[in-house]
Protein backbone atom coordinates (compact mmCIF):
# COMPACT_ATOMS: atom_id res chain seq x y z
CA MET A 1 199.21 0.31 16.96
CA ASP A 2 201.75 -0.14 13.63
CA LEU A 3 200.65 -1.65 10.52
CA ARG A 4 201.90 -5.07 11.26
CA LYS A 5 200.07 -5.20 14.26
CA LYS A 6 196.94 -3.93 12.88
CA SER A 7 197.49 -6.31 9.89
CA LEU A 8 198.01 -9.44 12.22
CA HIS A 9 195.40 -8.49 14.38
CA LEU A 10 192.84 -8.26 11.60
CA LEU A 11 194.06 -11.65 9.87
CA ILE A 12 193.72 -13.27 13.11
CA PHE A 13 190.36 -11.93 13.99
CA LEU A 14 189.27 -13.15 10.52
CA SER A 15 190.50 -16.48 11.52
CA ILE A 16 188.94 -16.91 14.44
CA PHE A 17 185.45 -15.65 12.98
CA ILE A 18 185.14 -17.68 10.57
CA LEU A 19 186.50 -20.93 12.75
CA ILE A 20 183.95 -22.95 15.14
CA PRO A 21 185.73 -24.63 17.96
CA LEU A 22 186.22 -28.28 17.84
CA THR A 23 183.75 -28.93 20.14
CA ILE A 24 180.77 -27.03 18.28
CA VAL A 25 180.54 -28.12 14.55
CA ASN A 26 178.20 -27.77 11.76
CA VAL A 27 175.67 -30.39 11.22
CA TYR A 28 176.79 -30.49 7.29
CA GLY A 29 180.21 -28.93 7.69
CA HIS A 30 183.42 -30.63 6.69
CA GLY A 31 184.62 -31.03 10.07
CA VAL A 32 185.29 -27.18 11.09
CA GLY A 33 187.12 -26.96 14.17
CA SER A 34 189.98 -25.62 16.30
CA GLU A 35 191.83 -26.07 19.47
CA ILE A 36 193.73 -23.33 21.05
CA PHE A 37 196.39 -24.63 23.94
CA PRO A 38 197.06 -22.75 27.46
CA PRO A 39 199.73 -20.33 27.50
CA VAL A 40 203.33 -21.23 28.14
CA ASP A 41 206.18 -19.25 29.42
CA LEU A 42 208.90 -18.22 26.43
CA TYR A 43 211.38 -15.58 26.90
CA GLU A 44 209.25 -13.49 29.30
CA LYS A 45 206.22 -13.80 27.65
CA GLN A 46 202.87 -15.99 27.35
CA VAL A 47 202.98 -17.91 24.09
CA SER A 48 199.76 -20.28 22.87
CA LEU A 49 199.58 -22.84 19.73
CA GLU A 50 196.38 -22.37 17.91
CA VAL A 51 195.52 -25.36 15.66
CA SER A 52 192.49 -25.01 13.25
CA SER A 53 190.67 -26.68 10.36
CA SER A 54 188.44 -25.28 7.70
CA PRO A 55 187.32 -26.93 4.06
CA ASN A 56 189.88 -26.30 1.53
CA ASN A 57 187.94 -24.85 -1.63
CA PRO A 58 184.74 -26.11 -0.52
CA ASP A 59 182.82 -25.73 -3.74
CA GLU A 60 185.39 -27.66 -5.62
CA SER A 61 186.12 -30.18 -3.16
CA ASP A 62 186.49 -32.01 0.03
CA ASP A 63 190.13 -31.53 0.56
CA GLN A 64 191.13 -30.27 4.28
CA GLN A 65 192.98 -27.49 5.07
CA ILE A 66 194.51 -27.13 8.62
CA SER A 67 196.41 -24.25 10.08
CA ILE A 68 198.56 -23.95 12.66
CA SER A 69 200.32 -20.92 14.25
CA LEU A 70 202.60 -19.64 17.33
CA ILE A 71 201.11 -16.84 19.01
CA ASP A 72 201.57 -14.45 21.73
CA PHE A 73 198.84 -14.68 24.14
CA ASP A 74 198.89 -11.29 25.09
CA SER A 75 198.93 -9.25 22.01
CA LYS A 76 197.53 -12.31 19.74
CA ILE A 77 200.34 -11.57 17.44
CA THR A 78 202.44 -14.14 15.77
CA LEU A 79 205.81 -14.77 16.40
CA ARG A 80 208.49 -14.51 14.31
CA ASP A 81 211.44 -17.09 12.81
CA VAL A 82 209.46 -19.99 14.18
CA THR A 83 210.67 -23.49 13.44
CA PHE A 84 208.24 -26.50 13.57
CA LEU A 85 208.84 -30.02 14.03
CA ILE A 86 205.80 -31.66 13.36
CA LYS A 87 204.64 -35.26 13.37
CA SER A 88 201.07 -35.98 11.95
CA SER A 89 198.82 -38.88 11.71
CA ARG A 90 195.15 -39.46 10.39
CA GLY A 91 193.78 -42.26 12.85
CA GLU A 92 196.08 -45.27 12.75
CA GLN A 93 197.48 -43.76 9.52
CA PHE A 94 201.20 -41.96 9.47
CA LEU A 95 201.32 -39.13 7.46
CA PHE A 96 205.02 -37.54 8.16
CA GLU A 97 207.47 -36.38 10.40
CA LYS A 98 209.32 -33.01 8.98
CA GLU A 99 210.64 -29.56 9.99
CA PHE A 100 209.22 -26.43 8.55
CA GLN A 101 210.15 -23.03 9.20
CA SER A 102 207.80 -19.96 9.12
CA ASP A 103 208.99 -16.27 9.31
CA ASN A 104 205.29 -15.10 10.39
CA GLY A 105 204.57 -18.23 12.43
CA PHE A 106 201.91 -19.38 10.94
CA LEU A 107 201.41 -22.68 8.54
CA VAL A 108 198.73 -23.71 6.23
CA PHE A 109 198.63 -27.80 5.49
CA ASN A 110 196.42 -28.57 2.57
CA PHE A 111 195.54 -32.17 3.04
CA ILE A 112 194.62 -33.21 -0.80
CA SER A 113 193.57 -36.96 -2.17
CA GLU A 114 195.18 -38.11 -4.71
CA ASN A 115 195.45 -41.85 -5.86
CA THR A 116 198.97 -42.49 -4.93
CA THR A 117 200.50 -44.94 -2.73
CA THR A 118 202.64 -42.34 -0.66
CA ILE A 119 202.26 -39.44 1.30
CA GLN A 120 204.21 -36.36 -0.68
CA VAL A 121 204.54 -33.22 1.50
CA GLN A 122 205.69 -30.33 -0.40
CA GLU A 123 206.05 -26.62 0.85
CA GLU A 124 205.38 -23.41 -1.10
CA ASN A 125 205.25 -19.66 -0.37
CA LYS A 126 202.10 -17.68 -1.18
CA GLU A 127 201.19 -14.15 -0.51
CA ASN A 128 198.07 -12.75 0.53
CA PHE A 129 197.03 -9.12 0.67
CA PHE A 130 198.02 -8.44 4.20
CA ASP A 131 201.36 -10.40 3.74
CA SER A 132 202.25 -8.40 0.64
CA LEU A 133 201.78 -5.21 3.00
CA LEU A 134 204.26 -6.67 5.55
CA GLY A 135 206.66 -8.59 3.14
CA LEU A 136 205.97 -11.84 4.49
CA ASP A 137 205.45 -14.94 2.59
CA ASN A 138 202.46 -17.31 3.93
CA LYS A 139 204.36 -20.86 4.20
CA ILE A 140 201.67 -23.54 2.53
CA VAL A 141 202.12 -27.31 2.57
CA ASN A 142 200.64 -29.60 0.22
CA VAL A 143 200.19 -33.07 2.03
CA ASN A 144 199.27 -35.18 -0.96
CA GLY A 145 197.87 -38.47 -0.30
CA PRO A 146 195.09 -41.41 -0.57
CA LYS A 147 191.81 -40.71 0.73
CA LEU A 148 192.67 -37.72 2.48
CA ASN A 149 189.48 -36.12 2.02
CA GLU A 150 187.77 -38.70 4.09
CA GLY A 151 188.04 -36.83 7.42
CA GLY A 152 188.82 -38.31 10.83
CA LEU A 153 191.07 -37.59 13.47
CA TYR A 154 194.09 -35.73 12.53
CA LYS A 155 196.56 -35.52 15.06
CA PHE A 156 199.63 -33.29 15.40
CA ASP A 157 202.80 -34.06 17.68
CA ILE A 158 204.42 -29.95 17.69
CA SER A 159 207.36 -29.33 18.77
CA ILE A 160 209.03 -25.74 18.90
CA ILE A 161 212.45 -25.75 17.97
CA THR A 162 212.88 -21.92 17.38
CA ALA A 163 211.16 -18.65 17.73
CA ASP A 164 211.70 -14.71 16.94
CA ASP A 165 215.13 -15.86 16.00
CA TYR A 166 216.16 -18.72 13.51
CA SER A 167 219.62 -18.96 14.94
CA LYS A 168 218.82 -19.31 18.53
CA LYS A 169 217.21 -23.00 19.16
CA LEU A 170 215.37 -23.45 22.36
CA ASP A 171 216.97 -25.16 25.00
CA VAL A 172 213.70 -27.25 26.10
CA PRO A 173 211.62 -27.31 22.99
CA LEU A 174 207.90 -26.47 23.60
CA THR A 175 205.97 -29.44 22.59
CA PHE A 176 202.35 -29.66 22.23
CA ASN A 177 199.72 -32.83 21.11
CA ALA A 178 196.84 -31.47 19.06
CA GLY A 179 194.00 -33.37 17.85
CA ILE A 180 191.48 -31.88 14.89
CA SER A 181 188.34 -34.05 14.08
CA ILE A 182 187.24 -33.58 10.48
CA ALA A 183 183.86 -34.79 9.56
CA GLN A 184 183.51 -38.45 8.14
CA LYS A 185 180.46 -39.92 6.52
CA SER A 186 180.12 -43.64 5.53
CA LYS A 187 177.24 -45.39 4.33
CA HIS A 188 175.61 -48.26 5.21
CA GLU A 189 172.59 -50.28 3.58
CA ILE A 190 169.79 -52.45 5.52
CA ASN A 191 167.80 -54.99 3.79
CA HIS A 192 164.95 -54.67 6.02
CA PRO A 193 162.13 -57.67 5.38
CA ILE A 194 159.14 -55.13 5.29
CA PHE A 195 160.47 -51.61 4.59
CA GLY A 196 162.48 -53.07 2.10
CA PRO A 197 166.07 -51.39 1.10
CA GLN A 198 167.05 -48.86 3.51
CA ILE A 199 170.49 -46.52 3.92
CA ILE A 200 171.73 -45.01 6.71
CA ASN A 201 174.57 -42.58 6.86
CA VAL A 202 176.91 -42.18 9.92
CA VAL A 203 178.52 -38.83 10.22
CA THR A 204 181.40 -38.74 12.95
CA TYR A 205 183.29 -36.09 13.87
CA TYR A 206 186.13 -37.64 15.66
CA ASP A 207 187.56 -41.07 13.85
CA GLU A 208 186.57 -43.73 11.49
CA ILE A 209 183.63 -45.87 12.49
CA LYS A 210 183.73 -49.48 11.98
CA ASN A 211 181.46 -52.77 12.38
CA PHE A 212 178.09 -51.21 11.69
CA GLN A 213 175.13 -53.32 12.22
CA TYR A 214 171.55 -53.05 12.78
CA ASP A 215 169.59 -55.64 14.15
CA VAL A 216 165.72 -56.20 12.47
CA LYS A 217 164.49 -57.73 15.78
CA SER A 218 165.84 -55.40 18.46
CA LYS A 219 165.93 -52.04 16.35
CA GLU A 220 169.55 -51.47 17.77
CA ILE A 221 172.29 -49.73 15.84
CA THR A 222 176.02 -50.89 16.50
CA PHE A 223 179.27 -49.64 15.51
CA SER A 224 182.96 -48.81 17.01
CA MET A 225 185.35 -46.26 16.81
CA PRO A 226 189.03 -46.14 17.95
CA PHE A 227 189.54 -44.03 21.35
CA GLU A 228 191.94 -43.61 23.68
CA TRP A 229 190.74 -44.04 27.09
CA SER A 230 193.55 -41.76 28.97
CA VAL A 231 193.41 -38.98 31.21
CA THR A 232 195.55 -36.77 28.89
CA ASN A 233 193.26 -37.76 26.24
CA ILE A 234 190.06 -37.08 27.61
CA ASN A 235 191.26 -33.92 28.96
CA GLN A 236 191.54 -32.89 25.67
CA THR A 237 188.17 -33.93 24.31
CA SER A 238 185.45 -31.68 24.82
CA VAL A 239 182.70 -33.52 22.92
CA ILE A 240 182.63 -36.45 20.66
CA HIS A 241 179.67 -35.74 18.13
CA GLU A 242 178.33 -38.35 16.02
CA GLU A 243 175.12 -38.21 13.43
CA LEU A 244 172.64 -40.52 12.06
CA VAL A 245 170.90 -39.91 9.21
CA ILE A 246 168.01 -41.94 8.87
CA PRO A 247 164.93 -41.66 5.66
CA LYS A 248 161.82 -41.23 6.93
CA THR A 249 160.69 -44.10 4.84
CA PHE A 250 162.44 -46.33 7.87
CA GLY A 251 159.36 -46.60 9.61
CA ASP A 252 161.26 -48.55 12.49
CA LEU A 253 163.78 -45.39 13.62
CA LEU A 254 160.90 -43.01 13.34
CA VAL A 255 160.32 -43.12 16.97
CA SER A 256 160.35 -39.97 19.03
CA GLY A 257 163.49 -40.78 21.23
CA PHE A 258 167.06 -42.53 21.25
CA SER A 259 169.37 -44.37 23.86
CA MET A 260 173.05 -44.42 23.43
CA TYR A 261 175.33 -46.64 25.35
CA VAL A 262 178.87 -46.59 25.30
CA ASN A 263 181.53 -49.69 26.40
CA GLY A 264 177.74 -50.70 27.70
CA ILE A 265 177.63 -47.67 30.04
CA LYS A 266 174.02 -45.55 29.31
CA LEU A 267 174.53 -42.17 28.65
CA SER A 268 172.07 -39.22 29.51
CA ASP A 269 169.30 -39.02 26.92
CA ASP A 270 170.08 -34.98 27.38
CA ILE A 271 172.84 -36.07 24.49
CA VAL A 272 170.47 -36.67 21.93
CA THR A 273 168.50 -34.37 19.69
CA ILE A 274 166.68 -35.07 16.43
CA ASP A 275 166.25 -32.99 13.47
CA ASP A 276 163.23 -34.01 11.60
CA PHE A 277 163.28 -30.75 9.60
CA PHE A 278 163.98 -32.43 6.20
CA SER A 279 161.94 -33.57 3.59
CA ASP A 280 163.25 -36.85 2.78
CA GLY A 281 165.18 -38.11 6.35
CA ARG A 282 165.97 -37.22 9.77
CA VAL A 283 169.52 -36.39 11.63
CA VAL A 284 169.53 -37.81 14.88
CA HIS A 285 172.79 -35.94 17.18
CA PHE A 286 174.67 -37.17 19.52
CA ILE A 287 176.77 -35.08 21.53
CA ILE A 288 178.78 -36.87 24.08
CA SER A 289 179.72 -34.35 26.91
CA GLN A 290 183.60 -34.63 28.75
CA LYS A 291 181.65 -35.76 31.54
CA GLU A 292 179.82 -38.44 30.00
CA LEU A 293 183.28 -39.61 28.87
CA TRP A 294 184.91 -39.36 32.50
CA ASN A 295 181.55 -41.64 33.36
CA ILE A 296 182.84 -44.56 30.87
CA TYR A 297 186.26 -44.17 31.86
CA ASN A 298 185.40 -44.36 35.83
CA HIS A 299 183.67 -47.60 34.92
CA ASP A 300 186.20 -49.29 32.43
CA THR A 301 189.80 -48.32 31.22
CA SER A 302 190.46 -51.33 29.55
CA GLN A 303 188.91 -50.56 26.24
CA ASN A 304 190.66 -49.00 23.23
CA ARG A 305 187.69 -48.05 21.72
CA MET A 306 184.27 -46.97 21.89
CA ASN A 307 181.55 -49.59 21.65
CA PHE A 308 178.15 -48.09 20.35
CA LEU A 309 174.66 -49.19 20.79
CA ILE A 310 171.81 -46.84 19.74
CA LYS A 311 168.34 -47.82 20.04
CA PRO A 312 164.49 -46.39 20.90
CA ASN A 313 164.49 -45.27 24.41
CA SER A 314 161.30 -46.54 25.11
CA ASP A 315 159.25 -49.83 24.80
CA ASP A 316 156.28 -48.06 23.93
CA ILE A 317 155.90 -47.55 20.39
CA GLN A 318 155.60 -43.94 19.57
CA LEU A 319 156.70 -42.54 16.21
CA SER A 320 157.62 -38.76 15.37
CA SER A 321 157.50 -36.66 12.25
CA VAL A 322 157.77 -33.17 11.44
CA THR A 323 155.58 -31.38 9.09
CA GLU A 324 156.86 -30.07 5.70
CA ASN A 325 156.53 -26.68 6.83
CA GLY A 326 158.21 -27.15 9.91
CA GLN A 327 155.44 -25.72 12.05
CA PHE A 328 154.24 -29.05 13.49
CA ARG A 329 155.80 -31.93 15.28
CA VAL A 330 152.95 -35.03 14.95
CA LEU A 331 153.49 -37.82 18.02
CA VAL A 332 151.61 -41.33 17.04
CA SER A 333 151.39 -44.39 18.77
CA TRP A 334 148.89 -47.36 18.93
CA GLU A 335 147.06 -50.25 20.20
CA PRO A 336 147.47 -53.21 20.00
CA GLN A 337 151.21 -52.87 19.24
CA ASN A 338 150.93 -55.95 17.08
CA LEU A 339 148.44 -54.59 14.24
CA GLN A 340 146.57 -57.53 12.59
CA SER A 341 144.35 -57.41 9.55
CA ASN A 342 140.69 -57.99 10.17
CA SER A 343 140.89 -56.47 14.02
CA LYS A 344 139.91 -53.41 15.72
CA THR A 345 142.80 -51.03 16.62
CA THR A 346 143.10 -47.45 17.96
CA ILE A 347 145.63 -44.81 16.13
CA TYR A 348 146.47 -42.27 19.17
CA PHE A 349 148.01 -38.91 18.04
CA ASP A 350 149.20 -35.62 19.51
CA ILE A 351 149.61 -32.52 17.28
CA THR A 352 152.55 -30.17 18.90
CA ASP A 353 153.35 -26.84 17.81
CA ILE A 354 157.48 -26.63 17.16
CA PHE A 355 157.68 -22.89 18.20
CA LEU A 356 156.30 -23.43 21.47
CA LYS A 357 158.36 -25.90 22.48
CA ASN A 358 156.28 -28.99 21.50
CA ARG A 359 153.19 -28.17 23.33
CA PRO A 360 150.14 -29.76 22.16
CA ILE A 361 147.56 -27.41 20.51
CA ALA A 362 144.16 -27.16 19.32
CA VAL A 363 144.14 -26.96 15.50
CA ASN A 364 141.85 -28.39 12.65
CA TYR A 365 143.59 -31.54 10.93
CA ASP A 366 142.76 -34.05 8.21
CA PHE A 367 143.99 -37.46 8.77
CA SER A 368 143.78 -40.77 6.87
CA ILE A 369 145.26 -44.38 6.32
CA THR A 370 146.49 -45.07 2.75
CA GLN A 371 148.27 -48.03 0.76
CA ASN A 372 149.20 -47.62 -2.03
CA ASP A 373 147.32 -44.35 -2.44
CA LYS A 374 144.25 -46.31 -1.51
CA ILE A 375 142.49 -44.73 1.23
CA ILE A 376 141.69 -47.10 4.18
CA PHE A 377 140.37 -45.18 6.76
CA LYS A 378 140.19 -41.24 7.22
CA GLN A 379 138.74 -38.38 9.55
CA SER A 380 138.68 -34.73 10.29
CA GLY A 381 138.44 -32.84 13.55
CA PHE A 382 140.15 -30.44 15.84
CA SER A 383 143.08 -31.38 18.21
CA SER A 384 143.28 -31.50 21.64
CA ASP A 385 145.67 -29.06 23.30
CA SER A 386 145.56 -31.35 26.26
CA LYS A 387 148.82 -33.25 27.45
CA GLU A 388 146.76 -36.05 28.95
CA ASN A 389 143.99 -36.41 26.59
CA HIS A 390 145.19 -37.94 23.22
CA ASN A 391 143.44 -37.41 20.06
CA THR A 392 142.25 -41.21 18.78
CA ALA A 393 141.13 -42.85 15.27
CA GLU A 394 139.32 -46.05 16.02
CA PHE A 395 138.66 -48.27 12.87
CA THR A 396 138.93 -52.23 12.22
CA ILE A 397 142.14 -52.95 9.37
CA PRO A 398 140.51 -54.38 6.50
CA ASP A 399 141.42 -58.33 5.82
CA ASP A 400 142.96 -57.88 2.98
CA VAL A 401 145.29 -55.28 3.97
CA THR A 402 148.85 -56.22 5.36
CA GLY A 403 152.26 -55.01 4.87
CA ILE A 404 153.15 -50.92 4.72
CA VAL A 405 150.68 -48.48 5.13
CA HIS A 406 150.77 -44.62 5.62
CA LEU A 407 149.73 -42.43 8.53
CA ASN A 408 148.81 -39.16 6.85
CA PHE A 409 148.22 -35.95 8.52
CA GLN A 410 147.26 -33.11 6.26
CA ASN A 411 146.28 -29.47 6.17
CA LEU A 412 147.02 -28.80 9.56
CA GLY A 413 145.61 -25.39 10.67
CA ASP A 414 144.09 -24.90 6.89
CA ASN A 415 147.74 -24.88 5.41
CA ASN A 416 148.31 -27.09 2.76
CA LEU A 417 152.12 -27.45 3.47
CA ALA A 418 151.41 -28.66 6.96
CA LYS A 419 151.54 -32.31 6.17
CA THR A 420 153.47 -35.40 6.81
CA SER A 421 153.50 -38.65 6.53
CA ILE A 422 154.77 -41.98 8.93
CA PRO A 423 154.63 -45.65 7.67
CA ILE A 424 153.90 -48.42 9.79
CA ILE A 425 153.24 -52.25 9.63
CA ILE A 426 150.06 -54.09 9.32
CA ASN A 427 151.32 -57.81 10.32
CA PRO A 428 154.74 -57.50 11.45
CA ILE A 429 156.71 -60.40 11.43
CA THR A 430 157.31 -62.00 14.65
CA HIS A 431 160.69 -62.90 15.88
CA GLU A 432 159.88 -66.30 17.80
CA ASN A 433 162.16 -69.13 16.81
CA ASN A 434 159.91 -70.86 15.13
CA ILE A 435 162.14 -71.84 12.09
CA SER A 436 163.00 -75.58 10.83
CA ILE A 437 165.21 -75.77 7.63
CA PRO A 438 166.72 -79.03 6.53
CA LYS A 439 170.38 -78.51 6.22
CA TRP A 440 170.35 -79.26 2.41
CA ILE A 441 168.22 -76.21 1.27
CA LYS A 442 171.54 -74.18 1.95
CA ASN A 443 173.06 -75.97 -1.37
CA ASN A 444 170.07 -74.70 -3.14
CA ALA A 445 170.27 -71.51 -2.08
CA GLY A 446 173.63 -71.37 -2.66
CA TRP A 447 172.78 -72.53 -6.47
CA TRP A 448 169.84 -69.74 -6.96
CA ALA A 449 172.62 -66.92 -5.69
CA ASP A 450 175.22 -67.78 -7.87
CA GLY A 451 172.50 -68.32 -11.00
CA GLN A 452 172.58 -71.75 -11.04
CA ILE A 453 169.01 -71.86 -10.55
CA ASP A 454 166.67 -69.42 -11.79
CA ASP A 455 163.82 -67.21 -9.71
CA ASP A 456 160.97 -69.31 -10.84
CA SER A 457 162.39 -72.76 -9.62
CA PHE A 458 163.81 -71.39 -6.65
CA VAL A 459 160.32 -69.98 -5.05
CA GLN A 460 158.59 -72.93 -6.37
CA GLY A 461 161.01 -75.07 -4.45
CA ILE A 462 160.60 -73.33 -1.57
CA GLN A 463 156.43 -73.01 -1.97
CA TYR A 464 156.50 -76.93 -2.07
CA LEU A 465 158.66 -77.29 1.27
CA ILE A 466 156.39 -75.15 3.52
CA LYS A 467 153.28 -76.57 1.99
CA GLU A 468 154.21 -80.09 3.21
CA LYS A 469 155.78 -78.53 6.31
CA ILE A 470 159.23 -79.74 5.41
CA MET A 471 160.38 -76.30 5.92
CA GLU A 472 158.75 -74.50 8.83
CA ILE A 473 158.73 -70.65 9.22
CA PRO A 474 156.84 -68.40 11.52
CA GLN A 475 153.10 -67.66 10.65
CA THR A 476 152.88 -65.14 7.72
CA ALA A 477 149.98 -63.55 6.17
CA GLN A 478 149.94 -63.78 2.09
CA GLY A 479 149.64 -59.90 0.85
CA SER A 480 146.98 -58.39 -1.20
CA GLY A 481 149.07 -56.59 -3.21
CA SER A 482 149.29 -57.25 -7.36
CA GLU A 483 150.79 -60.33 -8.41
CA SER A 484 154.51 -60.04 -9.17
CA ASN A 485 157.65 -62.30 -10.11
CA GLN A 486 159.94 -59.66 -9.25
CA ILE A 487 162.37 -60.65 -6.54
CA PRO A 488 164.40 -57.76 -4.78
CA SER A 489 168.31 -58.36 -5.27
CA TRP A 490 168.72 -57.94 -1.33
CA ILE A 491 166.72 -61.23 -1.16
CA LYS A 492 168.91 -63.42 -3.43
CA ASN A 493 172.06 -61.43 -1.44
CA ASN A 494 170.85 -62.94 1.60
CA ALA A 495 170.32 -66.54 0.35
CA GLY A 496 173.91 -66.50 -0.63
CA TRP A 497 175.06 -65.19 2.63
CA TRP A 498 172.94 -67.53 4.17
CA ALA A 499 174.52 -70.44 2.28
CA ASP A 500 177.93 -69.23 3.31
CA GLY A 501 177.36 -69.36 7.16
CA GLN A 502 177.36 -65.22 6.95
CA ILE A 503 173.70 -64.58 8.58
CA ASP A 504 171.69 -66.77 10.36
CA ASP A 505 168.17 -68.52 9.74
CA GLU A 506 166.29 -66.42 11.02
CA THR A 507 167.58 -63.34 8.69
CA PHE A 508 166.94 -65.82 5.91
CA VAL A 509 163.54 -66.56 6.59
CA GLN A 510 162.53 -62.98 6.87
CA GLY A 511 163.37 -62.71 2.90
CA ILE A 512 161.11 -65.62 2.49
CA GLN A 513 158.18 -63.70 4.50
CA TYR A 514 158.65 -60.49 2.83
CA LEU A 515 158.34 -62.85 -0.19
CA ILE A 516 154.86 -64.55 0.91
CA GLN A 517 153.95 -60.60 1.86
CA ASN A 518 154.26 -59.37 -1.52
CA ARG A 519 152.58 -62.28 -3.14
CA ILE A 520 155.64 -63.16 -5.02
CA LEU A 521 155.32 -66.63 -3.14
CA HIS A 522 151.97 -68.09 -2.64
CA ILE A 523 150.97 -70.64 0.16
């Protein structure tokens, strides 16, 4: 093999080795992926187009790098003197349409975020070690523009005008339509009436998501994403990968399983994987296969997007958490489902071994229930390795305990790193529509949100209206914690949105119930 072939073979091997196919991506990668097209005929040989992506200078920035190469399918060597006509877009944003020439059939695009209003495309030639041996230039194309580091779906309509000889144009250009997905992360703030401010991050490996919503009552997450429901696009899409990053302080979503619906079609539970191996959060992966895409397509072809609905996959309350050392998973449920102060309850739990495919195991444990570091209940024991016989803890909830408590599992197997904690709610807010609010109170809420009424005046006014039954809300137990006049900012924001008609009565009342449960508002 001559020097040129050896060098190019090594270059291709290295590029393939560090690239992961479009359908398999790292959890926290920057959208690494590639697409290799089936071979087509050109001058009595088979050629293929490869489009690959990787982070550009990952230690310094989130700018993206995408390479395009025309390759002899049999020898894996790039063709010479290739002219590419490329039209590119990111999501719905048009980027550029331009002709590029490459002596070695290889182009590298650097997508660089800059605070500009227009897209600028600049070509430059750079030499690397292999190219310097061969006397070849490496064609770099810098694409500068706003928000190009946000990831998303980069589309390339590619026409091959010349190959092996710049002076000889193809009678019929070779055309390829490529799509490379780069991870895009978005942050969504949720003001939960009990668990307080929470942040859910969504990582999408296909395209930008929009219209994110969380329903406190149903615990459902909804959002949408552009998607072309066509035979061609589905054939080119091996998987759709979406991730939810959920904090472990968000007790409502520490469930042991989730279900996903797309455009109203329930997908298989096999697409869901929950990763609890993080100290402060859990990552829920949804890997939608091409088979699932066809199923959705066959039910409805009228959509131009994916409408996602994600919710706990069972009506039974079962929470899940992994110990800090990653060895054990603890599954928890309880009876009755609505835990109330001054009532008897039974906590059911299983301790499973991660390395034994989550099989229940017999191991010693220390279990406690705490609120604000005060121990409400504790017991120690030896867990059951039976799948039928769950471990139990029976106790009466004190009448002065309400709000968030933590179920703590410690020293599993005499290992002080084998510990985890799961937050649950005592006296959860019911969502019965037992709400009656005079319309004129919205004016007061708006004035308070705008700073025309101070916190004390607003709280005292609401307190009076509830006591005099002018304003009715679902029954809410008064908390027993230390008194405080500190009102979370999210409650005032809710008041303003409610006054403007952006949220409903129930959502506003959840803030009032929070004030009652935390002894900011006394009834």
